[in-house]
Amino acid sequence: AREAGLPYVYLGYWVPGSPKMGYKSNFSALEIYKNDCWQDIGS
């Protein structure tokens, strides 16, 4: 994406409390779509 000049890599769904999806929160600069907008995941 960086080489192509594209600003985002979409990873699918992150699910709080799900061990299967927990790894996604390990990536920095991660945003989630919540309350109809994109926002930093924070904690």
All heavy atoms as atom14 arrays in JSON, in Angstrom:
{
  "sequence": "AREAGLPYVYLGYWVPGSPKMGYKSNFSALEIYKNDCWQDIGS",
  "atom14_mask": [
    [1, 1, 1, 1, 1, 0, 0, 0, 0, 0, 0, 0, 0, 0],
    [1, 1, 1, 1, 1, 1, 1, 1, 1, 1, 1, 0, 0, 0],
    [1, 1, 1, 1, 1, 1, 1, 1, 1, 0, 0, 0, 0, 0],
    [1, 1, 1, 1, 1, 0, 0, 0, 0, 0, 0, 0, 0, 0],
    [1, 1, 1, 1, 0, 0, 0, 0, 0, 0, 0, 0, 0, 0],
    [1, 1, 1, 1, 1, 1, 1, 1, 0, 0, 0, 0, 0, 0],
    [1, 1, 1, 1, 1, 1, 1, 0, 0, 0, 0, 0, 0, 0],
    [1, 1, 1, 1, 1, 1, 1, 1, 1, 1, 1, 1, 0, 0],
    [1, 1, 1, 1, 1, 1, 1, 0, 0, 0, 0, 0, 0, 0],
    [1, 1, 1, 1, 1, 1, 1, 1, 1, 1, 1, 1, 0, 0],
    [1, 1, 1, 1, 1, 1, 1, 1, 0, 0, 0, 0, 0, 0],
    [1, 1, 1, 1, 0, 0, 0, 0, 0, 0, 0, 0, 0, 0],
    [1, 1, 1, 1, 1, 1, 1, 1, 1, 1, 1, 1, 0, 0],
    [1, 1, 1, 1, 1, 1, 1, 1, 1, 1, 1, 1, 1, 1],
    [1, 1, 1, 1, 1, 1, 1, 0, 0, 0, 0, 0, 0, 0],
    [1, 1, 1, 1, 1, 1, 1, 0, 0, 0, 0, 0, 0, 0],
    [1, 1, 1, 1, 0, 0, 0, 0, 0, 0, 0, 0, 0, 0],
    [1, 1, 1, 1, 1, 1, 0, 0, 0, 0, 0, 0, 0, 0],
    [1, 1, 1, 1, 1, 1, 1, 0, 0, 0, 0, 0, 0, 0],
    [1, 1, 1, 1, 1, 1, 1, 1, 1, 0, 0, 0, 0, 0],
    [1, 1, 1, 1, 1, 1, 1, 1, 0, 0, 0, 0, 0, 0],
    [1, 1, 1, 1, 0, 0, 0, 0, 0, 0, 0, 0, 0, 0],
    [1, 1, 1, 1, 1, 1, 1, 1, 1, 1, 1, 1, 0, 0],
    [1, 1, 1, 1, 1, 1, 1, 1, 1, 0, 0, 0, 0, 0],
    [1, 1, 1, 1, 1, 1, 0, 0, 0, 0, 0, 0, 0, 0],
    [1, 1, 1, 1, 1, 1, 1, 1, 0, 0, 0, 0, 0, 0],
    [1, 1, 1, 1, 1, 1, 1, 1, 1, 1, 1, 0, 0, 0],
    [1, 1, 1, 1, 1, 1, 0, 0, 0, 0, 0, 0, 0, 0],
    [1, 1, 1, 1, 1, 0, 0, 0, 0, 0, 0, 0, 0, 0],
    [1, 1, 1, 1, 1, 1, 1, 1, 0, 0, 0, 0, 0, 0],
    [1, 1, 1, 1, 1, 1, 1, 1, 1, 0, 0, 0, 0, 0],
    [1, 1, 1, 1, 1, 1, 1, 1, 0, 0, 0, 0, 0, 0],
    [1, 1, 1, 1, 1, 1, 1, 1, 1, 1, 1, 1, 0, 0],
    [1, 1, 1, 1, 1, 1, 1, 1, 1, 0, 0, 0, 0, 0],
    [1, 1, 1, 1, 1, 1, 1, 1, 0, 0, 0, 0, 0, 0],
    [1, 1, 1, 1, 1, 1, 1, 1, 0, 0, 0, 0, 0, 0],
    [1, 1, 1, 1, 1, 1, 0, 0, 0, 0, 0, 0, 0, 0],
    [1, 1, 1, 1, 1, 1, 1, 1, 1, 1, 1, 1, 1, 1],
    [1, 1, 1, 1, 1, 1, 1, 1, 1, 0, 0, 0, 0, 0],
    [1, 1, 1, 1, 1, 1, 1, 1, 0, 0, 0, 0, 0, 0],
    [1, 1, 1, 1, 1, 1, 1, 1, 0, 0, 0, 0, 0, 0],
    [1, 1, 1, 1, 0, 0, 0, 0, 0, 0, 0, 0, 0, 0],
    [1, 1, 1, 1, 1, 1, 0, 0, 0, 0, 0, 0, 0, 0]
  ],
  "atom14_positions": [
    [[0.83, -1.21, 0.0], [0.0, 0.0, 0.0], [0.86, 1.25, 0.0], [0.57, 2.22, -0.71], [-0.93, -0.01, 1.22], [0.0, 0.0, 0.0], [0.0, 0.0, 0.0], [0.0, 0.0, 0.0], [0.0, 0.0, 0.0], [0.0, 0.0, 0.0], [0.0, 0.0, 0.0], [0.0, 0.0, 0.0], [0.0, 0.0, 0.0], [0.0, 0.0, 0.0]],
    [[1.95, 1.23, 0.76], [2.84, 2.39, 0.82], [3.45, 2.66, -0.56], [3.5, 3.8, -1.02], [3.95, 2.15, 1.85], [4.71, 3.42, 2.25], [5.93, 3.07, 3.09], [5.62, 2.24, 4.23], [5.17, 2.68, 5.4], [4.97, 3.97, 5.59], [4.93, 1.84, 6.39], [0.0, 0.0, 0.0], [0.0, 0.0, 0.0], [0.0, 0.0, 0.0]],
    [[3.9, 1.6, -1.21], [4.5, 1.76, -2.53], [3.49, 2.25, -3.56], [3.85, 2.97, -4.5], [5.09, 0.42, -2.99], [6.29, -0.05, -2.16], [6.65, -1.49, -2.44], [5.98, -2.12, -3.31], [7.59, -2.01, -1.79], [0.0, 0.0, 0.0], [0.0, 0.0, 0.0], [0.0, 0.0, 0.0], [0.0, 0.0, 0.0], [0.0, 0.0, 0.0]],
    [[2.21, 1.87, -3.39], [1.17, 2.27, -4.33], [0.54, 3.62, -3.99], [-0.32, 4.1, -4.74], [0.08, 1.2, -4.37], [0.0, 0.0, 0.0], [0.0, 0.0, 0.0], [0.0, 0.0, 0.0], [0.0, 0.0, 0.0], [0.0, 0.0, 0.0], [0.0, 0.0, 0.0], [0.0, 0.0, 0.0], [0.0, 0.0, 0.0], [0.0, 0.0, 0.0]],
    [[0.96, 4.21, -2.87], [0.4, 5.49, -2.47], [-1.01, 5.38, -1.92], [-1.78, 6.35, -1.98], [0.0, 0.0, 0.0], [0.0, 0.0, 0.0], [0.0, 0.0, 0.0], [0.0, 0.0, 0.0], [0.0, 0.0, 0.0], [0.0, 0.0, 0.0], [0.0, 0.0, 0.0], [0.0, 0.0, 0.0], [0.0, 0.0, 0.0], [0.0, 0.0, 0.0]],
    [[-1.37, 4.22, -1.38], [-2.7, 4.01, -0.81], [-2.64, 4.2, 0.71], [-1.76, 3.66, 1.36], [-3.21, 2.61, -1.14], [-3.42, 2.33, -2.63], [-3.7, 0.86, -2.88], [-4.56, 3.18, -3.18], [0.0, 0.0, 0.0], [0.0, 0.0, 0.0], [0.0, 0.0, 0.0], [0.0, 0.0, 0.0], [0.0, 0.0, 0.0], [0.0, 0.0, 0.0]],
    [[-3.58, 4.94, 1.28], [-3.45, 5.32, 2.7], [-3.84, 4.25, 3.72], [-3.46, 4.37, 4.88], [-4.38, 6.53, 2.83], [-5.37, 6.38, 1.72], [-4.64, 5.72, 0.6], [0.0, 0.0, 0.0], [0.0, 0.0, 0.0], [0.0, 0.0, 0.0], [0.0, 0.0, 0.0], [0.0, 0.0, 0.0], [0.0, 0.0, 0.0], [0.0, 0.0, 0.0]],
    [[-4.56, 3.2, 3.32], [-5.06, 2.27, 4.33], [-4.88, 0.8, 3.92], [-4.86, 0.48, 2.73], [-6.55, 2.49, 4.61], [-6.88, 3.89, 5.09], [-7.54, 4.79, 4.25], [-6.52, 4.31, 6.37], [-7.84, 6.07, 4.69], [-6.8, 5.59, 6.8], [-7.46, 6.47, 5.96], [-7.75, 7.74, 6.39], [0.0, 0.0, 0.0], [0.0, 0.0, 0.0]],
    [[-4.78, -0.05, 4.93], [-4.89, -1.5, 4.75], [-6.03, -1.96, 5.65], [-5.97, -1.82, 6.88], [-3.59, -2.24, 5.12], [-3.83, -3.76, 5.12], [-2.47, -1.88, 4.16], [0.0, 0.0, 0.0], [0.0, 0.0, 0.0], [0.0, 0.0, 0.0], [0.0, 0.0, 0.0], [0.0, 0.0, 0.0], [0.0, 0.0, 0.0], [0.0, 0.0, 0.0]],
    [[-7.08, -2.48, 5.03], [-8.27, -2.95, 5.76], [-8.05, -4.4, 6.2], [-7.76, -5.27, 5.37], [-9.5, -2.84, 4.88], [-9.96, -1.42, 4.62], [-9.32, -0.63, 3.65], [-11.02, -0.86, 5.31], [-9.73, 0.68, 3.4], [-11.44, 0.44, 5.07], [-10.79, 1.21, 4.12], [-11.2, 2.5, 3.88], [0.0, 0.0, 0.0], [0.0, 0.0, 0.0]],
    [[-8.24, -4.65, 7.5], [-7.94, -5.96, 8.08], [-9.17, -6.81, 8.34], [-9.05, -7.94, 8.81], [-7.19, -5.8, 9.4], [-5.85, -5.06, 9.35], [-5.24, -5.02, 10.75], [-4.9, -5.72, 8.36], [0.0, 0.0, 0.0], [0.0, 0.0, 0.0], [0.0, 0.0, 0.0], [0.0, 0.0, 0.0], [0.0, 0.0, 0.0], [0.0, 0.0, 0.0]],
    [[-10.36, -6.29, 8.07], [-11.56, -7.02, 8.45], [-12.03, -6.6, 9.82], [-11.77, -5.47, 10.26], [0.0, 0.0, 0.0], [0.0, 0.0, 0.0], [0.0, 0.0, 0.0], [0.0, 0.0, 0.0], [0.0, 0.0, 0.0], [0.0, 0.0, 0.0], [0.0, 0.0, 0.0], [0.0, 0.0, 0.0], [0.0, 0.0, 0.0], [0.0, 0.0, 0.0]],
    [[-12.68, -7.51, 10.55], [-13.28, -7.15, 11.82], [-12.39, -7.49, 13.01], [-11.78, -8.56, 13.06], [-14.65, -7.83, 11.98], [-15.63, -7.32, 10.97], [-16.07, -8.13, 9.92], [-16.09, -6.02, 11.03], [-16.95, -7.65, 8.97], [-16.96, -5.51, 10.07], [-17.38, -6.34, 9.06], [-18.23, -5.85, 8.1], [0.0, 0.0, 0.0], [0.0, 0.0, 0.0]],
    [[-12.32, -6.54, 13.92], [-11.69, -6.76, 15.22], [-12.83, -6.89, 16.23], [-13.78, -6.11, 16.22], [-10.79, -5.59, 15.59], [-10.27, -5.69, 17.0], [-9.35, -6.56, 17.48], [-10.66, -4.87, 18.12], [-9.15, -6.35, 18.82], [-9.94, -5.32, 19.24], [-11.56, -3.81, 18.27], [-10.08, -4.75, 20.49], [-11.71, -3.24, 19.51], [-10.97, -3.7, 20.62]],
    [[-12.74, -7.91, 17.09], [-13.83, -8.2, 18.02], [-13.29, -8.18, 19.45], [-12.52, -9.07, 19.84], [-14.45, -9.59, 17.72], [-15.67, -9.81, 18.61], [-14.82, -9.71, 16.26], [0.0, 0.0, 0.0], [0.0, 0.0, 0.0], [0.0, 0.0, 0.0], [0.0, 0.0, 0.0], [0.0, 0.0, 0.0], [0.0, 0.0, 0.0], [0.0, 0.0, 0.0]],
    [[-13.65, -7.18, 20.26], [-13.21, -7.16, 21.66], [-13.63, -8.43, 22.38], [-14.77, -8.87, 22.26], [-13.93, -5.94, 22.24], [-14.3, -5.09, 21.08], [-14.51, -6.03, 19.93], [0.0, 0.0, 0.0], [0.0, 0.0, 0.0], [0.0, 0.0, 0.0], [0.0, 0.0, 0.0], [0.0, 0.0, 0.0], [0.0, 0.0, 0.0], [0.0, 0.0, 0.0]],
    [[-12.69, -9.03, 23.08], [-12.99, -10.25, 23.84], [-12.84, -11.53, 23.06], [-13.03, -12.61, 23.61], [0.0, 0.0, 0.0], [0.0, 0.0, 0.0], [0.0, 0.0, 0.0], [0.0, 0.0, 0.0], [0.0, 0.0, 0.0], [0.0, 0.0, 0.0], [0.0, 0.0, 0.0], [0.0, 0.0, 0.0], [0.0, 0.0, 0.0], [0.0, 0.0, 0.0]],
    [[-12.5, -11.45, 21.76], [-12.33, -12.65, 20.95], [-10.86, -12.95, 20.76], [-10.14, -12.17, 20.13], [-13.0, -12.48, 19.59], [-12.64, -13.55, 18.72], [0.0, 0.0, 0.0], [0.0, 0.0, 0.0], [0.0, 0.0, 0.0], [0.0, 0.0, 0.0], [0.0, 0.0, 0.0], [0.0, 0.0, 0.0], [0.0, 0.0, 0.0], [0.0, 0.0, 0.0]],
    [[-10.36, -14.08, 21.28], [-8.94, -14.44, 21.08], [-8.57, -14.57, 19.61], [-7.43, -14.3, 19.22], [-8.83, -15.79, 21.8], [-9.94, -15.81, 22.8], [-11.06, -15.06, 22.13], [0.0, 0.0, 0.0], [0.0, 0.0, 0.0], [0.0, 0.0, 0.0], [0.0, 0.0, 0.0], [0.0, 0.0, 0.0], [0.0, 0.0, 0.0], [0.0, 0.0, 0.0]],
    [[-9.53, -14.97, 18.76], [-9.24, -15.14, 17.34], [-8.89, -13.82, 16.66], [-8.15, -13.79, 15.68], [-10.46, -15.75, 16.62], [-10.78, -17.19, 16.99], [-11.97, -17.67, 16.2], [-12.32, -19.1, 16.53], [-13.51, -19.58, 15.77], [0.0, 0.0, 0.0], [0.0, 0.0, 0.0], [0.0, 0.0, 0.0], [0.0, 0.0, 0.0], [0.0, 0.0, 0.0]],
    [[-9.43, -12.72, 17.18], [-9.25, -11.43, 16.53], [-8.34, -10.49, 17.31], [-8.08, -9.37, 16.88], [-10.62, -10.75, 16.34], [-11.52, -11.49, 15.39], [-10.81, -11.54, 13.72], [-12.03, -12.52, 12.87], [0.0, 0.0, 0.0], [0.0, 0.0, 0.0], [0.0, 0.0, 0.0], [0.0, 0.0, 0.0], [0.0, 0.0, 0.0], [0.0, 0.0, 0.0]],
    [[-7.85, -10.92, 18.46], [-7.05, -10.05, 19.31], [-5.78, -9.54, 18.67], [-5.32, -8.44, 18.98], [0.0, 0.0, 0.0], [0.0, 0.0, 0.0], [0.0, 0.0, 0.0], [0.0, 0.0, 0.0], [0.0, 0.0, 0.0], [0.0, 0.0, 0.0], [0.0, 0.0, 0.0], [0.0, 0.0, 0.0], [0.0, 0.0, 0.0], [0.0, 0.0, 0.0]],
    [[-5.2, -10.32, 17.76], [-3.91, -9.95, 17.16], [-3.98, -8.63, 16.4], [-2.97, -7.93, 16.26], [-3.43, -11.06, 16.22], [-4.22, -11.2, 14.95], [-3.85, -10.51, 13.8], [-5.34, -12.02, 14.88], [-4.58, -10.63, 12.62], [-6.08, -12.15, 13.72], [-5.69, -11.46, 12.6], [-6.42, -11.57, 11.45], [0.0, 0.0, 0.0], [0.0, 0.0, 0.0]],
    [[-5.15, -8.26, 15.9], [-5.26, -7.05, 15.08], [-4.95, -5.79, 15.88], [-4.45, -4.8, 15.34], [-6.64, -6.96, 14.45], [-6.91, -8.1, 13.47], [-8.27, -8.03, 12.83], [-8.49, -9.24, 11.92], [-9.79, -9.23, 11.24], [0.0, 0.0, 0.0], [0.0, 0.0, 0.0], [0.0, 0.0, 0.0], [0.0, 0.0, 0.0], [0.0, 0.0, 0.0]],
    [[-5.25, -5.82, 17.18], [-4.99, -4.64, 18.01], [-3.5, -4.47, 18.31], [-3.11, -3.47, 18.93], [-5.78, -4.73, 19.32], [-5.38, -5.85, 20.08], [0.0, 0.0, 0.0], [0.0, 0.0, 0.0], [0.0, 0.0, 0.0], [0.0, 0.0, 0.0], [0.0, 0.0, 0.0], [0.0, 0.0, 0.0], [0.0, 0.0, 0.0], [0.0, 0.0, 0.0]],
    [[-2.66, -5.42, 17.87], [-1.21, -5.29, 18.07], [-0.55, -4.39, 17.05], [0.63, -4.07, 17.18], [-0.56, -6.68, 18.03], [-1.01, -7.59, 19.15], [-1.33, -7.12, 20.24], [-1.06, -8.89, 18.89], [0.0, 0.0, 0.0], [0.0, 0.0, 0.0], [0.0, 0.0, 0.0], [0.0, 0.0, 0.0], [0.0, 0.0, 0.0], [0.0, 0.0, 0.0]],
    [[-1.3, -3.98, 16.02], [-0.71, -3.16, 14.97], [-0.93, -1.68, 15.29], [-2.03, -1.27, 15.66], [-1.33, -3.51, 13.61], [-0.91, -4.86, 13.11], [-1.59, -6.0, 13.49], [0.19, -4.99, 12.28], [-1.2, -7.25, 13.06], [0.6, -6.24, 11.84], [-0.09, -7.37, 12.23], [0.0, 0.0, 0.0], [0.0, 0.0, 0.0], [0.0, 0.0, 0.0]],
    [[0.13, -0.91, 15.15], [0.04, 0.53, 15.43], [-0.77, 1.24, 14.36], [-1.05, 0.67, 13.28], [1.44, 1.14, 15.51], [2.07, 1.14, 14.23], [0.0, 0.0, 0.0], [0.0, 0.0, 0.0], [0.0, 0.0, 0.0], [0.0, 0.0, 0.0], [0.0, 0.0, 0.0], [0.0, 0.0, 0.0], [0.0, 0.0, 0.0], [0.0, 0.0, 0.0]],
    [[-1.16, 2.48, 14.65], [-1.95, 3.31, 13.72], [-3.21, 2.59, 13.28], [-3.64, 2.69, 12.12], [-1.1, 3.71, 12.51], [0.0, 0.0, 0.0], [0.0, 0.0, 0.0], [0.0, 0.0, 0.0], [0.0, 0.0, 0.0], [0.0, 0.0, 0.0], [0.0, 0.0, 0.0], [0.0, 0.0, 0.0], [0.0, 0.0, 0.0], [0.0, 0.0, 0.0]],
    [[-3.83, 1.86, 14.22], [-5.05, 1.11, 13.9], [-6.28, 1.96, 14.18], [-6.4, 2.58, 15.24], [-5.11, -0.17, 14.72], [-6.18, -1.18, 14.28], [-5.75, -1.86, 12.98], [-6.43, -2.23, 15.36], [0.0, 0.0, 0.0], [0.0, 0.0, 0.0], [0.0, 0.0, 0.0], [0.0, 0.0, 0.0], [0.0, 0.0, 0.0], [0.0, 0.0, 0.0]],
    [[-7.18, 1.99, 13.22], [-8.46, 2.66, 13.36], [-9.58, 1.64, 13.35], [-9.46, 0.58, 12.72], [-8.7, 3.65, 12.21], [-7.68, 4.77, 12.11], [-7.97, 5.7, 10.95], [-8.8, 5.34, 10.08], [-7.37, 6.79, 10.91], [0.0, 0.0, 0.0], [0.0, 0.0, 0.0], [0.0, 0.0, 0.0], [0.0, 0.0, 0.0], [0.0, 0.0, 0.0]],
    [[-10.68, 1.97, 14.04], [-11.88, 1.13, 13.99], [-13.06, 2.0, 13.55], [-13.08, 3.2, 13.79], [-12.18, 0.48, 15.36], [-12.26, 1.54, 16.45], [-11.15, -0.59, 15.68], [-12.73, 1.0, 17.8], [0.0, 0.0, 0.0], [0.0, 0.0, 0.0], [0.0, 0.0, 0.0], [0.0, 0.0, 0.0], [0.0, 0.0, 0.0], [0.0, 0.0, 0.0]],
    [[-14.03, 1.35, 12.9], [-15.24, 2.06, 12.47], [-16.29, 1.88, 13.56], [-16.81, 0.8, 13.78], [-15.75, 1.5, 11.14], [-16.83, 2.35, 10.53], [-16.52, 3.55, 9.89], [-18.17, 1.96, 10.58], [-17.51, 4.34, 9.33], [-19.17, 2.74, 10.01], [-18.82, 3.93, 9.4], [-19.8, 4.72, 8.85], [0.0, 0.0, 0.0], [0.0, 0.0, 0.0]],
    [[-16.59, 2.97, 14.24], [-17.49, 2.93, 15.4], [-18.3, 4.22, 15.44], [-17.77, 5.31, 15.19], [-16.65, 2.79, 16.68], [-17.45, 2.68, 17.97], [-16.5, 2.47, 19.15], [-17.24, 2.4, 20.46], [-16.32, 2.19, 21.61], [0.0, 0.0, 0.0], [0.0, 0.0, 0.0], [0.0, 0.0, 0.0], [0.0, 0.0, 0.0], [0.0, 0.0, 0.0]],
    [[-19.58, 4.08, 15.72], [-20.47, 5.24, 15.77], [-20.44, 6.02, 14.46], [-20.38, 7.25, 14.43], [-20.12, 6.16, 16.95], [-20.28, 5.46, 18.29], [-21.14, 4.6, 18.45], [-19.43, 5.81, 19.24], [0.0, 0.0, 0.0], [0.0, 0.0, 0.0], [0.0, 0.0, 0.0], [0.0, 0.0, 0.0], [0.0, 0.0, 0.0], [0.0, 0.0, 0.0]],
    [[-20.43, 5.27, 13.36], [-20.5, 5.84, 12.01], [-19.28, 6.67, 11.62], [-19.38, 7.54, 10.73], [-21.76, 6.7, 11.84], [-23.03, 5.89, 12.01], [-23.02, 4.69, 11.67], [-24.03, 6.45, 12.5], [0.0, 0.0, 0.0], [0.0, 0.0, 0.0], [0.0, 0.0, 0.0], [0.0, 0.0, 0.0], [0.0, 0.0, 0.0], [0.0, 0.0, 0.0]],
    [[-18.14, 6.41, 12.23], [-16.92, 7.13, 11.81], [-15.7, 6.31, 12.19], [-15.75, 5.42, 13.05], [-16.86, 8.52, 12.46], [-16.63, 8.49, 14.25], [0.0, 0.0, 0.0], [0.0, 0.0, 0.0], [0.0, 0.0, 0.0], [0.0, 0.0, 0.0], [0.0, 0.0, 0.0], [0.0, 0.0, 0.0], [0.0, 0.0, 0.0], [0.0, 0.0, 0.0]],
    [[-14.58, 6.61, 11.52], [-13.32, 5.97, 11.83], [-12.63, 6.73, 12.96], [-12.6, 7.96, 12.95], [-12.41, 5.94, 10.59], [-12.89, 4.98, 9.56], [-13.64, 5.28, 8.45], [-12.67, 3.57, 9.52], [-13.9, 4.14, 7.73], [-13.32, 3.07, 8.36], [-12.0, 2.68, 10.34], [-13.3, 1.73, 8.01], [-11.98, 1.33, 10.0], [-12.62, 0.88, 8.85]],
    [[-12.05, 6.0, 13.9], [-11.38, 6.6, 15.04], [-10.25, 5.7, 15.51], [-10.27, 4.49, 15.26], [-12.37, 6.84, 16.18], [-13.12, 5.59, 16.61], [-14.25, 5.89, 17.59], [-14.04, 5.91, 18.8], [-15.45, 6.13, 17.07], [0.0, 0.0, 0.0], [0.0, 0.0, 0.0], [0.0, 0.0, 0.0], [0.0, 0.0, 0.0], [0.0, 0.0, 0.0]],
    [[-9.25, 6.29, 16.17], [-8.17, 5.49, 16.72], [-8.73, 4.46, 17.7], [-9.65, 4.77, 18.47], [-7.16, 6.38, 17.44], [-6.31, 7.19, 16.47], [-5.99, 6.65, 15.4], [-5.99, 8.34, 16.79], [0.0, 0.0, 0.0], [0.0, 0.0, 0.0], [0.0, 0.0, 0.0], [0.0, 0.0, 0.0], [0.0, 0.0, 0.0], [0.0, 0.0, 0.0]],
    [[-8.15, 3.29, 17.69], [-8.64, 2.24, 18.57], [-8.42, 2.58, 20.04], [-9.22, 2.22, 20.9], [-8.0, 0.88, 18.22], [-8.67, -0.24, 19.02], [-6.51, 0.9, 18.44], [-8.23, -1.63, 18.62], [0.0, 0.0, 0.0], [0.0, 0.0, 0.0], [0.0, 0.0, 0.0], [0.0, 0.0, 0.0], [0.0, 0.0, 0.0], [0.0, 0.0, 0.0]],
    [[-7.35, 3.31, 20.33], [-7.07, 3.63, 21.73], [-6.8, 2.35, 22.53], [-6.17, 1.41, 22.03], [0.0, 0.0, 0.0], [0.0, 0.0, 0.0], [0.0, 0.0, 0.0], [0.0, 0.0, 0.0], [0.0, 0.0, 0.0], [0.0, 0.0, 0.0], [0.0, 0.0, 0.0], [0.0, 0.0, 0.0], [0.0, 0.0, 0.0], [0.0, 0.0, 0.0]],
    [[-7.29, 2.29, 23.75], [-7.13, 1.09, 24.57], [-8.15, 0.03, 24.14], [-9.36, 0.31, 24.15], [-7.33, 1.41, 26.05], [-7.35, 0.22, 26.81], [0.0, 0.0, 0.0], [0.0, 0.0, 0.0], [0.0, 0.0, 0.0], [0.0, 0.0, 0.0], [0.0, 0.0, 0.0], [0.0, 0.0, 0.0], [0.0, 0.0, 0.0], [0.0, 0.0, 0.0]]
  ]
}
